[in-house]
Amino acid sequence: MRIVIAEDDPLLREGLALLLRAESLDVVATAGTADDALDAIDRHEPDVAILDVRMPPTHTDEGIRAAVEARRRHPALAVLVLSAYVEQSFATELLTGGVGGLGYLLKERVGRVEEFLDALRRVADGGTAIDPEVVAQLFTRSRRDTRLERLSPREKDVLGLMAEGLGNSAIAERLVVTDGAVHKHIRSIFAKLDLAPTDQLDRRVAAVLHYLEDARRR
C-alpha cells in the first residue's frame, strides 16, 4: 500500500509516517500543505492519501478541498481525512457522494493504533470508515426525521455501525449477537426507511446516506 500523508503539524506528520512504516506500509511522501499534497499525489500516484482537514494558509477547509480535487484527478485514490474535531459539514460534504474508498476519523483515533490501521485498510480496500463520534452526532442531529424515529434502539446501533463501514460479521461481533440477528435488523431497517429492493439501488448505502443527507440539510 503506497501512502501520501498531508498534515501541517510536523510531529504528527512524522509520527504517522513512522507508525505506518513500522507496519511495512510504503509512505512515499509527506506534505505540510494542501498544494504540496496534491503535487505529491500527482507525482507518486499512491493508493491512499491521508489528509488533515485544516491546513495552511487559512486552516479552514484546505484538506477537504484537496481531497475532493485529488479524487477528481485520480478517481481510484482512497482518501482518509483526519480532523481534531467533529466538523459535520465537512464530513457530509466528503461522504455523501456514495462512492467508496473514503474515511473520516478524529485524530484521537490515530492513538488507538489497531483501530486506525483497520480503518486505513478498509478505506484502501474501497470501503468506508467514519468515526463513531461523527456517526453519533449525525444521529443526534437527524433524530427529528420521522423515518429514523421508526428504528428501534438496536436498529440504530446497527445502522450506526453500518455507517462506520463495518460488515455484518463485524457488526455481530461488536454487538455480541449472531450474524442472523444482524441480517434481521438490517432487513427491518430497510423496511422502516422505505427502501425497497431494486437493481439500481444499494440499500445498505442508501440507508447510511439517508441520515447523512438529512443531517447536512439541518
N, C-alpha and C. Protein backbone atom coordinates (compact mmCIF):
# COMPACT_ATOMS: atom_id res chain seq x y z
N MET A 1 0.84 -1.19 0.00
CA MET A 1 0.00 0.00 0.00
C MET A 1 0.88 1.25 0.00
N ARG A 2 0.73 2.08 -1.02
CA ARG A 2 1.50 3.32 -1.14
C ARG A 2 0.68 4.49 -0.60
N ILE A 3 1.29 5.30 0.26
CA ILE A 3 0.54 6.31 1.02
C ILE A 3 1.23 7.67 0.93
N VAL A 4 0.42 8.72 0.77
CA VAL A 4 0.87 10.11 0.93
C VAL A 4 0.18 10.67 2.17
N ILE A 5 0.95 11.35 3.03
CA ILE A 5 0.42 11.96 4.24
C ILE A 5 0.50 13.47 4.11
N ALA A 6 -0.62 14.17 4.37
CA ALA A 6 -0.64 15.63 4.37
C ALA A 6 -1.13 16.11 5.73
N GLU A 7 -0.23 16.71 6.50
CA GLU A 7 -0.52 17.16 7.86
C GLU A 7 0.43 18.31 8.18
N ASP A 8 -0.13 19.46 8.63
CA ASP A 8 0.75 20.61 8.84
C ASP A 8 1.52 20.55 10.16
N ASP A 9 1.10 19.71 11.09
CA ASP A 9 1.84 19.53 12.34
C ASP A 9 2.99 18.56 12.09
N PRO A 10 4.24 19.03 12.12
CA PRO A 10 5.36 18.15 11.76
C PRO A 10 5.49 16.94 12.67
N LEU A 11 5.16 17.11 13.96
CA LEU A 11 5.28 16.00 14.90
C LEU A 11 4.29 14.89 14.55
N LEU A 12 3.03 15.26 14.31
CA LEU A 12 2.03 14.27 13.95
C LEU A 12 2.34 13.67 12.58
N ARG A 13 2.79 14.51 11.66
CA ARG A 13 3.09 14.02 10.31
C ARG A 13 4.18 12.95 10.34
N GLU A 14 5.26 13.23 11.04
CA GLU A 14 6.35 12.27 11.10
C GLU A 14 5.98 11.06 11.96
N GLY A 15 5.17 11.30 13.00
CA GLY A 15 4.71 10.19 13.82
C GLY A 15 3.87 9.21 13.02
N LEU A 16 2.97 9.75 12.19
CA LEU A 16 2.16 8.89 11.33
C LEU A 16 3.04 8.10 10.36
N ALA A 17 4.01 8.79 9.78
CA ALA A 17 4.89 8.12 8.82
C ALA A 17 5.66 6.98 9.49
N LEU A 18 6.17 7.22 10.70
CA LEU A 18 6.90 6.18 11.42
C LEU A 18 5.99 5.00 11.76
N LEU A 19 4.76 5.31 12.21
CA LEU A 19 3.81 4.27 12.55
C LEU A 19 3.52 3.38 11.35
N LEU A 20 3.24 4.00 10.22
CA LEU A 20 2.87 3.23 9.03
C LEU A 20 4.05 2.44 8.47
N ARG A 21 5.21 3.05 8.50
CA ARG A 21 6.39 2.33 8.01
C ARG A 21 6.72 1.14 8.92
N ALA A 22 6.46 1.28 10.22
CA ALA A 22 6.67 0.17 11.14
C ALA A 22 5.73 -1.00 10.85
N GLU A 23 4.62 -0.69 10.17
CA GLU A 23 3.68 -1.73 9.76
C GLU A 23 3.96 -2.23 8.35
N SER A 24 5.15 -1.88 7.84
CA SER A 24 5.60 -2.29 6.50
C SER A 24 4.74 -1.68 5.39
N LEU A 25 4.16 -0.51 5.65
CA LEU A 25 3.42 0.22 4.62
C LEU A 25 4.35 1.25 4.00
N ASP A 26 4.15 1.55 2.74
CA ASP A 26 5.06 2.38 1.96
C ASP A 26 4.59 3.83 1.94
N VAL A 27 5.15 4.66 2.81
CA VAL A 27 4.84 6.10 2.82
C VAL A 27 5.76 6.74 1.78
N VAL A 28 5.18 7.08 0.64
CA VAL A 28 6.00 7.57 -0.48
C VAL A 28 6.30 9.05 -0.39
N ALA A 29 5.48 9.81 0.38
CA ALA A 29 5.71 11.25 0.51
C ALA A 29 4.91 11.79 1.68
N THR A 30 5.41 12.88 2.27
CA THR A 30 4.67 13.63 3.28
C THR A 30 4.63 15.08 2.84
N ALA A 31 3.60 15.80 3.30
CA ALA A 31 3.43 17.20 2.88
C ALA A 31 2.85 18.01 4.04
N GLY A 32 3.19 19.30 4.05
CA GLY A 32 2.69 20.18 5.11
C GLY A 32 1.61 21.12 4.66
N THR A 33 1.32 21.14 3.34
CA THR A 33 0.25 21.99 2.81
C THR A 33 -0.59 21.19 1.83
N ALA A 34 -1.79 21.71 1.56
CA ALA A 34 -2.67 21.03 0.63
C ALA A 34 -2.09 21.04 -0.78
N ASP A 35 -1.48 22.14 -1.19
CA ASP A 35 -0.88 22.22 -2.53
C ASP A 35 0.24 21.20 -2.69
N ASP A 36 1.09 21.10 -1.65
CA ASP A 36 2.18 20.13 -1.72
C ASP A 36 1.63 18.70 -1.74
N ALA A 37 0.51 18.49 -1.03
CA ALA A 37 -0.11 17.17 -1.03
C ALA A 37 -0.59 16.79 -2.43
N LEU A 38 -1.25 17.73 -3.11
CA LEU A 38 -1.74 17.46 -4.46
C LEU A 38 -0.57 17.18 -5.41
N ASP A 39 0.51 17.95 -5.25
CA ASP A 39 1.70 17.71 -6.09
C ASP A 39 2.25 16.30 -5.85
N ALA A 40 2.31 15.90 -4.57
CA ALA A 40 2.83 14.57 -4.24
C ALA A 40 1.93 13.47 -4.77
N ILE A 41 0.62 13.68 -4.70
CA ILE A 41 -0.33 12.68 -5.22
C ILE A 41 -0.19 12.55 -6.73
N ASP A 42 -0.06 13.67 -7.42
CA ASP A 42 0.13 13.63 -8.87
C ASP A 42 1.43 12.92 -9.23
N ARG A 43 2.47 13.18 -8.44
CA ARG A 43 3.79 12.64 -8.78
C ARG A 43 3.90 11.15 -8.45
N HIS A 44 3.37 10.73 -7.29
CA HIS A 44 3.58 9.35 -6.83
C HIS A 44 2.41 8.42 -7.11
N GLU A 45 1.22 8.98 -7.39
CA GLU A 45 0.01 8.18 -7.62
C GLU A 45 -0.14 7.08 -6.56
N PRO A 46 -0.33 7.48 -5.30
CA PRO A 46 -0.43 6.50 -4.22
C PRO A 46 -1.77 5.77 -4.24
N ASP A 47 -1.88 4.75 -3.40
CA ASP A 47 -3.15 4.05 -3.23
C ASP A 47 -4.07 4.82 -2.27
N VAL A 48 -3.45 5.46 -1.27
CA VAL A 48 -4.22 6.17 -0.25
C VAL A 48 -3.57 7.51 0.06
N ALA A 49 -4.41 8.52 0.26
CA ALA A 49 -3.94 9.82 0.77
C ALA A 49 -4.58 10.06 2.12
N ILE A 50 -3.75 10.40 3.12
CA ILE A 50 -4.23 10.76 4.45
C ILE A 50 -4.07 12.27 4.58
N LEU A 51 -5.20 12.98 4.76
CA LEU A 51 -5.15 14.44 4.76
C LEU A 51 -5.81 15.02 6.00
N ASP A 52 -5.17 16.04 6.58
CA ASP A 52 -5.78 16.82 7.65
C ASP A 52 -6.84 17.74 7.05
N VAL A 53 -7.93 17.99 7.78
CA VAL A 53 -8.97 18.90 7.29
C VAL A 53 -8.45 20.32 7.19
N ARG A 54 -7.84 20.81 8.27
CA ARG A 54 -7.43 22.22 8.35
C ARG A 54 -5.94 22.34 8.12
N MET A 55 -5.60 23.03 7.03
CA MET A 55 -4.19 23.18 6.67
C MET A 55 -3.94 24.62 6.24
N PRO A 56 -2.65 25.02 6.14
CA PRO A 56 -2.33 26.38 5.70
C PRO A 56 -2.86 26.63 4.29
N PRO A 57 -3.14 27.91 3.93
CA PRO A 57 -2.86 29.10 4.74
C PRO A 57 -3.98 29.53 5.68
N THR A 58 -5.23 29.13 5.43
CA THR A 58 -6.34 29.65 6.23
C THR A 58 -6.74 28.73 7.38
N HIS A 59 -6.28 27.48 7.34
CA HIS A 59 -6.63 26.49 8.37
C HIS A 59 -8.14 26.34 8.52
N THR A 60 -8.83 26.27 7.37
CA THR A 60 -10.29 26.05 7.39
C THR A 60 -10.60 24.72 6.72
N ASP A 61 -10.72 24.73 5.39
CA ASP A 61 -11.15 23.50 4.70
C ASP A 61 -10.19 23.07 3.59
N GLU A 62 -8.93 23.49 3.68
CA GLU A 62 -7.97 23.15 2.61
C GLU A 62 -7.87 21.64 2.38
N GLY A 63 -7.86 20.88 3.48
CA GLY A 63 -7.71 19.44 3.35
C GLY A 63 -8.88 18.79 2.63
N ILE A 64 -10.11 19.24 2.95
CA ILE A 64 -11.29 18.70 2.28
C ILE A 64 -11.26 19.05 0.80
N ARG A 65 -10.94 20.32 0.50
CA ARG A 65 -10.91 20.72 -0.91
C ARG A 65 -9.82 19.95 -1.66
N ALA A 66 -8.70 19.71 -0.99
CA ALA A 66 -7.64 18.93 -1.63
C ALA A 66 -8.09 17.48 -1.85
N ALA A 67 -8.84 16.92 -0.89
CA ALA A 67 -9.35 15.56 -1.04
C ALA A 67 -10.28 15.45 -2.24
N VAL A 68 -11.18 16.42 -2.36
CA VAL A 68 -12.12 16.41 -3.48
C VAL A 68 -11.38 16.54 -4.81
N GLU A 69 -10.40 17.44 -4.86
CA GLU A 69 -9.64 17.65 -6.09
C GLU A 69 -8.78 16.43 -6.42
N ALA A 70 -8.20 15.81 -5.39
CA ALA A 70 -7.37 14.62 -5.62
C ALA A 70 -8.21 13.49 -6.20
N ARG A 71 -9.44 13.34 -5.70
CA ARG A 71 -10.33 12.29 -6.24
C ARG A 71 -10.77 12.63 -7.65
N ARG A 72 -10.92 13.92 -7.95
CA ARG A 72 -11.29 14.29 -9.32
C ARG A 72 -10.17 13.91 -10.29
N ARG A 73 -8.93 14.16 -9.88
CA ARG A 73 -7.79 13.85 -10.74
C ARG A 73 -7.50 12.35 -10.78
N HIS A 74 -7.71 11.68 -9.67
CA HIS A 74 -7.36 10.26 -9.54
C HIS A 74 -8.55 9.52 -8.93
N PRO A 75 -9.54 9.16 -9.70
CA PRO A 75 -10.78 8.56 -9.18
C PRO A 75 -10.58 7.30 -8.35
N ALA A 76 -9.50 6.57 -8.60
CA ALA A 76 -9.27 5.33 -7.85
C ALA A 76 -8.59 5.57 -6.51
N LEU A 77 -8.19 6.80 -6.24
CA LEU A 77 -7.48 7.11 -5.00
C LEU A 77 -8.40 6.96 -3.78
N ALA A 78 -7.93 6.25 -2.77
CA ALA A 78 -8.64 6.19 -1.49
C ALA A 78 -8.18 7.36 -0.63
N VAL A 79 -9.12 7.95 0.10
CA VAL A 79 -8.82 9.15 0.88
C VAL A 79 -9.30 8.95 2.31
N LEU A 80 -8.39 9.17 3.27
CA LEU A 80 -8.73 9.15 4.68
C LEU A 80 -8.45 10.53 5.25
N VAL A 81 -9.51 11.22 5.69
CA VAL A 81 -9.40 12.57 6.21
C VAL A 81 -9.34 12.52 7.73
N LEU A 82 -8.44 13.31 8.32
CA LEU A 82 -8.30 13.40 9.77
C LEU A 82 -8.70 14.79 10.24
N SER A 83 -9.35 14.85 11.39
CA SER A 83 -9.77 16.13 11.95
C SER A 83 -9.63 16.10 13.46
N ALA A 84 -9.32 17.25 14.06
CA ALA A 84 -9.23 17.33 15.52
C ALA A 84 -10.60 17.36 16.16
N TYR A 85 -11.61 17.78 15.40
CA TYR A 85 -12.97 17.92 15.92
C TYR A 85 -13.96 17.30 14.94
N VAL A 86 -15.19 17.09 15.42
CA VAL A 86 -16.27 16.66 14.54
C VAL A 86 -16.75 17.87 13.76
N GLU A 87 -16.44 17.91 12.49
CA GLU A 87 -16.86 19.01 11.63
C GLU A 87 -17.88 18.43 10.65
N GLN A 88 -19.16 18.50 11.06
CA GLN A 88 -20.20 17.75 10.38
C GLN A 88 -20.37 18.15 8.92
N SER A 89 -20.28 19.45 8.63
CA SER A 89 -20.48 19.87 7.24
C SER A 89 -19.40 19.29 6.34
N PHE A 90 -18.16 19.23 6.85
CA PHE A 90 -17.07 18.66 6.07
C PHE A 90 -17.26 17.16 5.90
N ALA A 91 -17.70 16.48 6.97
CA ALA A 91 -17.89 15.04 6.90
C ALA A 91 -18.95 14.69 5.87
N THR A 92 -20.08 15.37 5.91
CA THR A 92 -21.14 15.04 4.97
C THR A 92 -20.79 15.45 3.55
N GLU A 93 -20.08 16.58 3.38
CA GLU A 93 -19.66 17.01 2.03
C GLU A 93 -18.80 15.95 1.38
N LEU A 94 -17.91 15.36 2.16
CA LEU A 94 -16.99 14.37 1.61
C LEU A 94 -17.65 13.03 1.38
N LEU A 95 -18.58 12.64 2.29
CA LEU A 95 -19.05 11.26 2.33
C LEU A 95 -20.37 11.00 1.66
N THR A 96 -21.16 12.03 1.33
CA THR A 96 -22.48 11.77 0.79
C THR A 96 -22.50 11.53 -0.71
N GLY A 97 -21.32 11.43 -1.31
CA GLY A 97 -21.30 11.14 -2.74
C GLY A 97 -21.62 9.70 -3.07
N GLY A 98 -21.64 8.83 -2.08
CA GLY A 98 -22.00 7.43 -2.31
C GLY A 98 -20.89 6.60 -2.94
N VAL A 99 -19.65 7.11 -2.93
CA VAL A 99 -18.53 6.40 -3.53
C VAL A 99 -17.65 5.85 -2.41
N GLY A 100 -17.10 4.64 -2.60
CA GLY A 100 -16.28 4.02 -1.58
C GLY A 100 -14.86 4.56 -1.56
N GLY A 101 -14.04 3.96 -0.70
CA GLY A 101 -12.66 4.38 -0.58
C GLY A 101 -12.50 5.71 0.11
N LEU A 102 -13.39 6.01 1.07
CA LEU A 102 -13.35 7.28 1.78
C LEU A 102 -13.49 7.05 3.27
N GLY A 103 -12.78 7.86 4.06
CA GLY A 103 -12.89 7.78 5.51
C GLY A 103 -12.77 9.13 6.16
N TYR A 104 -13.36 9.25 7.35
CA TYR A 104 -13.28 10.49 8.14
C TYR A 104 -13.10 10.07 9.59
N LEU A 105 -11.93 10.35 10.15
CA LEU A 105 -11.61 9.96 11.51
C LEU A 105 -11.16 11.16 12.33
N LEU A 106 -11.46 11.13 13.62
CA LEU A 106 -10.88 12.11 14.53
C LEU A 106 -9.42 11.73 14.80
N LYS A 107 -8.59 12.75 15.01
CA LYS A 107 -7.16 12.49 15.19
C LYS A 107 -6.88 11.63 16.41
N GLU A 108 -7.74 11.73 17.42
CA GLU A 108 -7.52 10.91 18.61
C GLU A 108 -7.56 9.42 18.28
N ARG A 109 -8.22 9.07 17.17
CA ARG A 109 -8.32 7.66 16.76
C ARG A 109 -6.94 7.13 16.35
N VAL A 110 -6.03 8.02 15.92
CA VAL A 110 -4.71 7.58 15.49
C VAL A 110 -3.97 6.91 16.64
N GLY A 111 -4.22 7.40 17.87
CA GLY A 111 -3.55 6.82 19.04
C GLY A 111 -4.01 5.42 19.35
N ARG A 112 -5.19 5.04 18.84
CA ARG A 112 -5.67 3.67 19.00
C ARG A 112 -5.24 2.91 17.75
N VAL A 113 -4.02 2.43 17.79
CA VAL A 113 -3.31 2.01 16.58
C VAL A 113 -4.09 0.97 15.79
N GLU A 114 -4.59 -0.06 16.45
CA GLU A 114 -5.28 -1.12 15.72
C GLU A 114 -6.54 -0.60 15.03
N GLU A 115 -7.30 0.27 15.72
CA GLU A 115 -8.49 0.85 15.11
C GLU A 115 -8.13 1.70 13.90
N PHE A 116 -7.07 2.48 14.05
CA PHE A 116 -6.64 3.34 12.95
C PHE A 116 -6.20 2.51 11.75
N LEU A 117 -5.39 1.49 11.99
CA LEU A 117 -4.91 0.67 10.89
C LEU A 117 -6.06 -0.10 10.23
N ASP A 118 -7.02 -0.55 11.03
CA ASP A 118 -8.18 -1.24 10.47
C ASP A 118 -8.96 -0.30 9.55
N ALA A 119 -9.16 0.96 10.01
CA ALA A 119 -9.87 1.94 9.18
C ALA A 119 -9.11 2.24 7.90
N LEU A 120 -7.80 2.39 8.01
CA LEU A 120 -6.97 2.67 6.83
C LEU A 120 -7.07 1.55 5.81
N ARG A 121 -7.00 0.31 6.26
CA ARG A 121 -7.06 -0.83 5.34
C ARG A 121 -8.46 -0.94 4.72
N ARG A 122 -9.48 -0.65 5.51
CA ARG A 122 -10.84 -0.71 5.00
C ARG A 122 -11.04 0.30 3.87
N VAL A 123 -10.53 1.52 4.08
CA VAL A 123 -10.64 2.56 3.06
C VAL A 123 -9.83 2.17 1.83
N ALA A 124 -8.62 1.66 2.04
CA ALA A 124 -7.77 1.26 0.92
C ALA A 124 -8.41 0.15 0.09
N ASP A 125 -9.23 -0.68 0.73
CA ASP A 125 -9.92 -1.76 0.03
C ASP A 125 -11.21 -1.31 -0.64
N GLY A 126 -11.48 0.00 -0.60
CA GLY A 126 -12.66 0.52 -1.28
C GLY A 126 -13.88 0.69 -0.38
N GLY A 127 -13.71 0.47 0.92
CA GLY A 127 -14.82 0.64 1.85
C GLY A 127 -14.85 2.04 2.42
N THR A 128 -15.62 2.20 3.51
CA THR A 128 -15.70 3.48 4.19
C THR A 128 -15.35 3.30 5.66
N ALA A 129 -14.90 4.38 6.28
CA ALA A 129 -14.60 4.36 7.72
C ALA A 129 -14.96 5.73 8.27
N ILE A 130 -16.04 5.79 9.03
CA ILE A 130 -16.49 7.04 9.63
C ILE A 130 -16.34 6.93 11.13
N ASP A 131 -15.74 7.94 11.74
CA ASP A 131 -15.51 7.91 13.18
C ASP A 131 -16.82 7.74 13.93
N PRO A 132 -16.85 6.86 14.94
CA PRO A 132 -18.09 6.66 15.70
C PRO A 132 -18.66 7.95 16.29
N GLU A 133 -17.80 8.89 16.68
CA GLU A 133 -18.30 10.14 17.24
C GLU A 133 -19.01 10.98 16.19
N VAL A 134 -18.51 10.94 14.95
CA VAL A 134 -19.19 11.63 13.86
C VAL A 134 -20.56 11.02 13.64
N VAL A 135 -20.61 9.68 13.61
CA VAL A 135 -21.88 8.97 13.42
C VAL A 135 -22.86 9.36 14.52
N ALA A 136 -22.38 9.37 15.78
CA ALA A 136 -23.26 9.68 16.91
C ALA A 136 -23.84 11.08 16.79
N GLN A 137 -23.02 12.05 16.39
CA GLN A 137 -23.51 13.42 16.29
C GLN A 137 -24.46 13.58 15.11
N LEU A 138 -24.22 12.87 14.03
CA LEU A 138 -25.14 12.94 12.90
C LEU A 138 -26.49 12.34 13.27
N PHE A 139 -26.46 11.25 14.05
CA PHE A 139 -27.71 10.66 14.53
C PHE A 139 -28.48 11.66 15.38
N THR A 140 -27.77 12.35 16.28
CA THR A 140 -28.41 13.31 17.17
C THR A 140 -29.09 14.41 16.36
N ARG A 141 -28.41 14.89 15.33
CA ARG A 141 -28.97 15.98 14.53
C ARG A 141 -30.15 15.54 13.69
N SER A 142 -30.16 14.25 13.29
CA SER A 142 -31.21 13.79 12.38
C SER A 142 -32.35 13.09 13.10
N ARG A 143 -32.40 13.20 14.43
CA ARG A 143 -33.37 12.46 15.20
C ARG A 143 -34.80 12.84 14.85
N ARG A 144 -35.03 14.07 14.34
CA ARG A 144 -36.39 14.51 14.07
C ARG A 144 -36.97 13.88 12.80
N ASP A 145 -36.16 13.25 11.98
CA ASP A 145 -36.66 12.61 10.77
C ASP A 145 -37.60 11.47 11.17
N THR A 146 -38.83 11.49 10.67
CA THR A 146 -39.83 10.53 11.12
C THR A 146 -39.46 9.10 10.77
N ARG A 147 -38.81 8.89 9.62
CA ARG A 147 -38.43 7.53 9.27
C ARG A 147 -37.36 6.99 10.21
N LEU A 148 -36.40 7.82 10.58
CA LEU A 148 -35.38 7.37 11.52
C LEU A 148 -36.00 7.08 12.89
N GLU A 149 -37.05 7.80 13.24
CA GLU A 149 -37.69 7.56 14.53
C GLU A 149 -38.40 6.20 14.57
N ARG A 150 -38.63 5.60 13.41
CA ARG A 150 -39.23 4.26 13.39
C ARG A 150 -38.27 3.19 13.87
N LEU A 151 -36.97 3.48 13.83
CA LEU A 151 -35.98 2.46 14.17
C LEU A 151 -35.92 2.23 15.68
N SER A 152 -35.75 0.98 16.05
CA SER A 152 -35.55 0.64 17.45
C SER A 152 -34.13 1.04 17.87
N PRO A 153 -33.87 1.12 19.18
CA PRO A 153 -32.50 1.43 19.62
C PRO A 153 -31.45 0.48 19.04
N ARG A 154 -31.77 -0.82 18.99
CA ARG A 154 -30.81 -1.78 18.44
C ARG A 154 -30.60 -1.55 16.94
N GLU A 155 -31.68 -1.22 16.22
CA GLU A 155 -31.55 -0.95 14.78
C GLU A 155 -30.71 0.30 14.55
N LYS A 156 -30.84 1.29 15.44
CA LYS A 156 -29.98 2.48 15.31
C LYS A 156 -28.52 2.12 15.57
N ASP A 157 -28.28 1.22 16.52
CA ASP A 157 -26.91 0.75 16.75
C ASP A 157 -26.35 0.09 15.49
N VAL A 158 -27.16 -0.75 14.87
CA VAL A 158 -26.72 -1.46 13.67
C VAL A 158 -26.45 -0.48 12.53
N LEU A 159 -27.35 0.47 12.32
CA LEU A 159 -27.16 1.45 11.25
C LEU A 159 -25.94 2.32 11.53
N GLY A 160 -25.70 2.66 12.78
CA GLY A 160 -24.51 3.43 13.12
C GLY A 160 -23.23 2.69 12.77
N LEU A 161 -23.19 1.39 13.04
CA LEU A 161 -22.01 0.60 12.70
C LEU A 161 -21.89 0.39 11.19
N MET A 162 -23.03 0.29 10.51
CA MET A 162 -23.00 0.27 9.05
C MET A 162 -22.36 1.54 8.51
N ALA A 163 -22.71 2.68 9.13
CA ALA A 163 -22.17 3.96 8.68
C ALA A 163 -20.67 4.05 8.91
N GLU A 164 -20.18 3.35 9.94
CA GLU A 164 -18.73 3.32 10.17
C GLU A 164 -18.01 2.48 9.12
N GLY A 165 -18.78 1.68 8.36
CA GLY A 165 -18.19 0.86 7.32
C GLY A 165 -18.04 -0.60 7.68
N LEU A 166 -18.60 -1.03 8.82
CA LEU A 166 -18.47 -2.41 9.24
C LEU A 166 -19.42 -3.32 8.46
N GLY A 167 -18.95 -4.54 8.16
CA GLY A 167 -19.78 -5.55 7.53
C GLY A 167 -20.61 -6.28 8.58
N ASN A 168 -21.46 -7.20 8.12
CA ASN A 168 -22.38 -7.87 9.03
C ASN A 168 -21.66 -8.65 10.13
N SER A 169 -20.61 -9.37 9.78
CA SER A 169 -19.91 -10.17 10.79
C SER A 169 -19.25 -9.28 11.84
N ALA A 170 -18.66 -8.17 11.40
CA ALA A 170 -18.03 -7.24 12.34
C ALA A 170 -19.07 -6.59 13.24
N ILE A 171 -20.25 -6.28 12.68
CA ILE A 171 -21.33 -5.71 13.49
C ILE A 171 -21.78 -6.73 14.53
N ALA A 172 -21.94 -7.97 14.12
CA ALA A 172 -22.35 -9.02 15.05
C ALA A 172 -21.35 -9.17 16.19
N GLU A 173 -20.06 -9.12 15.85
CA GLU A 173 -19.03 -9.23 16.88
C GLU A 173 -19.07 -8.05 17.83
N ARG A 174 -19.25 -6.83 17.29
CA ARG A 174 -19.27 -5.63 18.13
C ARG A 174 -20.47 -5.64 19.07
N LEU A 175 -21.63 -6.10 18.60
CA LEU A 175 -22.85 -6.09 19.40
C LEU A 175 -23.08 -7.39 20.18
N VAL A 176 -22.18 -8.36 19.96
CA VAL A 176 -22.27 -9.66 20.63
C VAL A 176 -23.62 -10.32 20.33
N VAL A 177 -23.93 -10.40 19.03
CA VAL A 177 -25.13 -11.10 18.56
C VAL A 177 -24.73 -11.98 17.38
N THR A 178 -25.67 -12.76 16.87
CA THR A 178 -25.36 -13.63 15.73
C THR A 178 -25.44 -12.87 14.42
N ASP A 179 -24.80 -13.43 13.39
CA ASP A 179 -24.92 -12.84 12.06
C ASP A 179 -26.38 -12.81 11.61
N GLY A 180 -27.13 -13.86 11.95
CA GLY A 180 -28.53 -13.90 11.58
C GLY A 180 -29.33 -12.77 12.20
N ALA A 181 -29.01 -12.42 13.44
CA ALA A 181 -29.71 -11.31 14.10
C ALA A 181 -29.41 -9.99 13.41
N VAL A 182 -28.15 -9.82 13.01
CA VAL A 182 -27.78 -8.59 12.31
C VAL A 182 -28.52 -8.51 10.98
N HIS A 183 -28.56 -9.61 10.25
CA HIS A 183 -29.27 -9.64 8.97
C HIS A 183 -30.74 -9.27 9.16
N LYS A 184 -31.35 -9.79 10.22
CA LYS A 184 -32.75 -9.48 10.50
C LYS A 184 -32.94 -8.00 10.81
N HIS A 185 -32.03 -7.42 11.60
CA HIS A 185 -32.12 -5.99 11.92
C HIS A 185 -31.99 -5.13 10.65
N ILE A 186 -31.07 -5.53 9.77
CA ILE A 186 -30.84 -4.74 8.56
C ILE A 186 -32.07 -4.80 7.65
N ARG A 187 -32.68 -5.97 7.53
CA ARG A 187 -33.91 -6.05 6.74
C ARG A 187 -35.00 -5.16 7.32
N SER A 188 -35.08 -5.11 8.64
CA SER A 188 -36.07 -4.25 9.29
C SER A 188 -35.76 -2.78 9.04
N ILE A 189 -34.48 -2.41 9.08
CA ILE A 189 -34.08 -1.03 8.80
C ILE A 189 -34.51 -0.63 7.39
N PHE A 190 -34.23 -1.50 6.40
CA PHE A 190 -34.62 -1.20 5.03
C PHE A 190 -36.13 -0.99 4.93
N ALA A 191 -36.88 -1.84 5.61
CA ALA A 191 -38.34 -1.72 5.54
C ALA A 191 -38.82 -0.43 6.18
N LYS A 192 -38.28 -0.08 7.33
CA LYS A 192 -38.73 1.12 8.04
C LYS A 192 -38.30 2.41 7.35
N LEU A 193 -37.21 2.34 6.57
CA LEU A 193 -36.77 3.51 5.80
C LEU A 193 -37.34 3.53 4.39
N ASP A 194 -38.29 2.62 4.13
CA ASP A 194 -38.97 2.56 2.83
C ASP A 194 -37.99 2.33 1.68
N LEU A 195 -37.01 1.46 1.90
CA LEU A 195 -36.00 1.15 0.88
C LEU A 195 -36.33 -0.21 0.28
N ALA A 196 -37.07 -0.20 -0.81
CA ALA A 196 -37.44 -1.44 -1.48
C ALA A 196 -36.28 -1.91 -2.36
N PRO A 197 -36.12 -3.22 -2.54
CA PRO A 197 -35.02 -3.73 -3.37
C PRO A 197 -35.23 -3.39 -4.84
N THR A 198 -34.18 -2.87 -5.46
CA THR A 198 -34.19 -2.63 -6.91
C THR A 198 -32.81 -2.97 -7.43
N ASP A 199 -32.71 -3.12 -8.76
CA ASP A 199 -31.42 -3.41 -9.38
C ASP A 199 -30.50 -2.20 -9.33
N GLN A 200 -31.08 -1.00 -9.26
CA GLN A 200 -30.29 0.22 -9.35
C GLN A 200 -29.85 0.75 -7.99
N LEU A 201 -30.35 0.18 -6.87
CA LEU A 201 -30.14 0.79 -5.57
C LEU A 201 -29.42 -0.16 -4.62
N ASP A 202 -28.31 0.28 -4.06
CA ASP A 202 -27.67 -0.44 -2.97
C ASP A 202 -28.32 0.04 -1.69
N ARG A 203 -29.18 -0.78 -1.11
CA ARG A 203 -29.97 -0.32 0.04
C ARG A 203 -29.10 -0.03 1.26
N ARG A 204 -28.01 -0.74 1.39
CA ARG A 204 -27.11 -0.50 2.53
C ARG A 204 -26.53 0.91 2.46
N VAL A 205 -26.04 1.28 1.27
CA VAL A 205 -25.51 2.63 1.07
C VAL A 205 -26.62 3.67 1.23
N ALA A 206 -27.79 3.39 0.67
CA ALA A 206 -28.89 4.34 0.74
C ALA A 206 -29.33 4.60 2.17
N ALA A 207 -29.32 3.56 3.01
CA ALA A 207 -29.73 3.73 4.40
C ALA A 207 -28.78 4.67 5.14
N VAL A 208 -27.47 4.51 4.89
CA VAL A 208 -26.48 5.37 5.53
C VAL A 208 -26.57 6.79 4.99
N LEU A 209 -26.66 6.92 3.67
CA LEU A 209 -26.70 8.26 3.08
C LEU A 209 -27.96 9.01 3.45
N HIS A 210 -29.03 8.28 3.74
CA HIS A 210 -30.28 8.93 4.11
C HIS A 210 -30.09 9.86 5.31
N TYR A 211 -29.47 9.35 6.38
CA TYR A 211 -29.36 10.23 7.54
C TYR A 211 -28.20 11.21 7.41
N LEU A 212 -27.17 10.87 6.61
CA LEU A 212 -26.12 11.85 6.36
C LEU A 212 -26.66 13.06 5.61
N GLU A 213 -27.49 12.80 4.59
CA GLU A 213 -28.09 13.90 3.85
C GLU A 213 -29.03 14.70 4.74
N ASP A 214 -29.80 14.01 5.58
CA ASP A 214 -30.73 14.69 6.47
C ASP A 214 -29.96 15.60 7.43
N ALA A 215 -28.83 15.09 7.94
CA ALA A 215 -28.03 15.88 8.87
C ALA A 215 -27.46 17.12 8.17
N ARG A 216 -27.07 16.97 6.92
CA ARG A 216 -26.50 18.11 6.20
C ARG A 216 -27.55 19.20 5.96
N ARG A 217 -28.82 18.79 5.74
CA ARG A 217 -29.86 19.79 5.49
C ARG A 217 -30.26 20.56 6.74
N ARG A 218 -30.02 20.01 7.93
CA ARG A 218 -30.49 20.66 9.15
C ARG A 218 -29.50 21.70 9.65
